[in-house]
Amino acid sequence: MATKLVQWLTAFTLFSSIWVSLVFQLVPVQLDPRVMEVLWPLPIYLLVVFGSYSLATIGYRVATFNDCDDAADSLKQEIKEAKRDLSSKGFKFS
């Protein structure tokens, strides 16, 4: 199984090679001029869509972030134990 980076780089390379070959007519394919009008700015469109999706995902994850009440209680208990231990060794808290 490839890492996410390898998957993204593979997809980017595949898309880039197909886009370059079509835009610069390296492949003998006749495309309608309307298709060429959409094909030229396609990477920018995809970048905007990716950015929008990323922002929406981050916003959703922040909005639905779960509090860890059990972990917070456990941490507070450990802090109390550490204070007790340090107090017994002569440390004074102000």
C-alpha atoms as a PDB file:
ATOM      1  CA  MET A   1       0.000   0.000   0.000  1.00  0.00           C
ATOM      2  CA  ALA A   2       1.444   3.340  -1.046  1.00  0.00           C
ATOM      3  CA  THR A   3       1.573   6.319   1.259  1.00  0.00           C
ATOM      4  CA  LYS A   4      -0.821   9.229   0.753  1.00  0.00           C
ATOM      5  CA  LEU A   5       2.025  11.327  -0.634  1.00  0.00           C
ATOM      6  CA  VAL A   6       2.776   8.728  -3.313  1.00  0.00           C
ATOM      7  CA  GLN A   7      -0.919   8.490  -4.193  1.00  0.00           C
ATOM      8  CA  TRP A   8      -1.249  12.269  -4.524  1.00  0.00           C
ATOM      9  CA  LEU A   9       1.956  12.568  -6.562  1.00  0.00           C
ATOM     10  CA  THR A  10       0.842   9.770  -8.872  1.00  0.00           C
ATOM     11  CA  ALA A  11      -2.541  11.414  -9.445  1.00  0.00           C
ATOM     12  CA  PHE A  12      -0.897  14.820  -9.979  1.00  0.00           C
ATOM     13  CA  THR A  13       1.597  13.386 -12.469  1.00  0.00           C
ATOM     14  CA  LEU A  14      -1.118  11.549 -14.375  1.00  0.00           C
ATOM     15  CA  PHE A  15      -3.358  14.628 -14.529  1.00  0.00           C
ATOM     16  CA  SER A  16      -0.459  16.911 -15.475  1.00  0.00           C
ATOM     17  CA  SER A  17       0.753  14.688 -18.281  1.00  0.00           C
ATOM     18  CA  ILE A  18      -2.735  14.341 -19.762  1.00  0.00           C
ATOM     19  CA  TRP A  19      -3.409  18.078 -19.419  1.00  0.00           C
ATOM     20  CA  VAL A  20      -0.091  19.095 -21.005  1.00  0.00           C
ATOM     21  CA  SER A  21      -0.508  16.640 -23.870  1.00  0.00           C
ATOM     22  CA  LEU A  22      -4.007  17.943 -24.638  1.00  0.00           C
ATOM     23  CA  VAL A  23      -3.305  21.656 -24.191  1.00  0.00           C
ATOM     24  CA  PHE A  24      -0.138  21.643 -26.285  1.00  0.00           C
ATOM     25  CA  GLN A  25      -1.657  19.184 -28.779  1.00  0.00           C
ATOM     26  CA  LEU A  26       1.059  16.580 -28.336  1.00  0.00           C
ATOM     27  CA  VAL A  27      -1.569  13.930 -29.017  1.00  0.00           C
ATOM     28  CA  PRO A  28      -3.215  14.133 -32.435  1.00  0.00           C
ATOM     29  CA  VAL A  29      -6.744  14.670 -31.130  1.00  0.00           C
ATOM     30  CA  GLN A  30      -9.038  17.332 -32.506  1.00  0.00           C
ATOM     31  CA  LEU A  31     -10.855  19.039 -29.668  1.00  0.00           C
ATOM     32  CA  ASP A  32     -13.700  21.481 -29.969  1.00  0.00           C
ATOM     33  CA  PRO A  33     -12.614  25.080 -29.252  1.00  0.00           C
ATOM     34  CA  ARG A  34     -15.133  25.201 -26.393  1.00  0.00           C
ATOM     35  CA  VAL A  35     -13.340  22.254 -24.780  1.00  0.00           C
ATOM     36  CA  MET A  36     -10.020  24.049 -25.127  1.00  0.00           C
ATOM     37  CA  GLU A  37     -11.509  27.123 -23.409  1.00  0.00           C
ATOM     38  CA  VAL A  38     -12.327  24.957 -20.399  1.00  0.00           C
ATOM     39  CA  LEU A  39      -9.137  22.891 -20.596  1.00  0.00           C
ATOM     40  CA  TRP A  40      -6.712  25.827 -20.305  1.00  0.00           C
ATOM     41  CA  PRO A  41      -7.829  27.076 -16.848  1.00  0.00           C
ATOM     42  CA  LEU A  42      -8.764  23.603 -15.541  1.00  0.00           C
ATOM     43  CA  PRO A  43      -5.822  23.381 -13.061  1.00  0.00           C
ATOM     44  CA  ILE A  44      -6.858  26.691 -11.513  1.00  0.00           C
ATOM     45  CA  TYR A  45     -10.467  25.525 -11.217  1.00  0.00           C
ATOM     46  CA  LEU A  46      -9.327  22.323  -9.565  1.00  0.00           C
ATOM     47  CA  LEU A  47      -7.073  24.243  -7.176  1.00  0.00           C
ATOM     48  CA  VAL A  48      -9.998  26.468  -6.126  1.00  0.00           C
ATOM     49  CA  VAL A  49     -12.237  23.428  -5.623  1.00  0.00           C
ATOM     50  CA  PHE A  50      -9.550  21.673  -3.580  1.00  0.00           C
ATOM     51  CA  GLY A  51      -9.028  24.761  -1.410  1.00  0.00           C
ATOM     52  CA  SER A  52     -12.758  25.141  -0.831  1.00  0.00           C
ATOM     53  CA  TYR A  53     -13.087  21.502   0.107  1.00  0.00           C
ATOM     54  CA  SER A  54     -10.121  21.768   2.476  1.00  0.00           C
ATOM     55  CA  LEU A  55     -11.545  24.823   4.214  1.00  0.00           C
ATOM     56  CA  ALA A  56     -14.962  23.189   4.546  1.00  0.00           C
ATOM     57  CA  THR A  57     -13.412  20.026   5.979  1.00  0.00           C
ATOM     58  CA  ILE A  58     -11.310  21.962   8.496  1.00  0.00           C
ATOM     59  CA  GLY A  59     -14.316  24.057   9.518  1.00  0.00           C
ATOM     60  CA  TYR A  60     -16.466  20.962   9.983  1.00  0.00           C
ATOM     61  CA  ARG A  61     -13.812  19.183  12.031  1.00  0.00           C
ATOM     62  CA  VAL A  62     -13.313  22.230  14.257  1.00  0.00           C
ATOM     63  CA  ALA A  63     -17.077  22.619  14.750  1.00  0.00           C
ATOM     64  CA  THR A  64     -17.546  18.953  15.692  1.00  0.00           C
ATOM     65  CA  PHE A  65     -14.404  18.592  17.811  1.00  0.00           C
ATOM     66  CA  ASN A  66     -15.138  16.333  20.767  1.00  0.00           C
ATOM     67  CA  ASP A  67     -14.166  17.241  24.294  1.00  0.00           C
ATOM     68  CA  CYS A  68     -12.265  14.577  26.170  1.00  0.00           C
ATOM     69  CA  ASP A  69     -13.831  14.838  29.621  1.00  0.00           C
ATOM     70  CA  ASP A  70     -12.328  11.567  30.848  1.00  0.00           C
ATOM     71  CA  ALA A  71      -8.848  12.606  29.776  1.00  0.00           C
ATOM     72  CA  ALA A  72      -9.285  16.024  31.396  1.00  0.00           C
ATOM     73  CA  ASP A  73     -10.356  14.431  34.689  1.00  0.00           C
ATOM     74  CA  SER A  74      -7.431  12.027  34.545  1.00  0.00           C
ATOM     75  CA  LEU A  75      -5.011  14.887  33.897  1.00  0.00           C
ATOM     76  CA  LYS A  76      -6.404  16.905  36.817  1.00  0.00           C
ATOM     77  CA  GLN A  77      -5.969  13.867  39.075  1.00  0.00           C
ATOM     78  CA  GLU A  78      -2.365  13.422  37.934  1.00  0.00           C
ATOM     79  CA  ILE A  79      -1.682  17.127  38.612  1.00  0.00           C
ATOM     80  CA  LYS A  80      -3.058  16.778  42.153  1.00  0.00           C
ATOM     81  CA  GLU A  81      -0.892  13.699  42.737  1.00  0.00           C
ATOM     82  CA  ALA A  82       2.193  15.491  41.411  1.00  0.00           C
ATOM     83  CA  LYS A  83       1.534  18.493  43.671  1.00  0.00           C
ATOM     84  CA  ARG A  84       1.117  16.191  46.662  1.00  0.00           C
ATOM     85  CA  ASP A  85       4.355  14.390  45.806  1.00  0.00           C
ATOM     86  CA  LEU A  86       6.293  17.635  45.325  1.00  0.00           C
ATOM     87  CA  SER A  87       4.861  19.104  48.539  1.00  0.00           C
ATOM     88  CA  SER A  88       6.030  16.059  50.469  1.00  0.00           C
ATOM     89  CA  LYS A  89       9.543  16.639  49.075  1.00  0.00           C
ATOM     90  CA  GLY A  90       9.583  20.244  50.280  1.00  0.00           C
ATOM     91  CA  PHE A  91       8.472  22.165  47.198  1.00  0.00           C
ATOM     92  CA  LYS A  92       6.304  25.183  48.035  1.00  0.00           C
ATOM     93  CA  PHE A  93       3.617  26.358  45.624  1.00  0.00           C
ATOM     94  CA  SER A  94       2.792  30.069  45.600  1.00  0.00           C
END
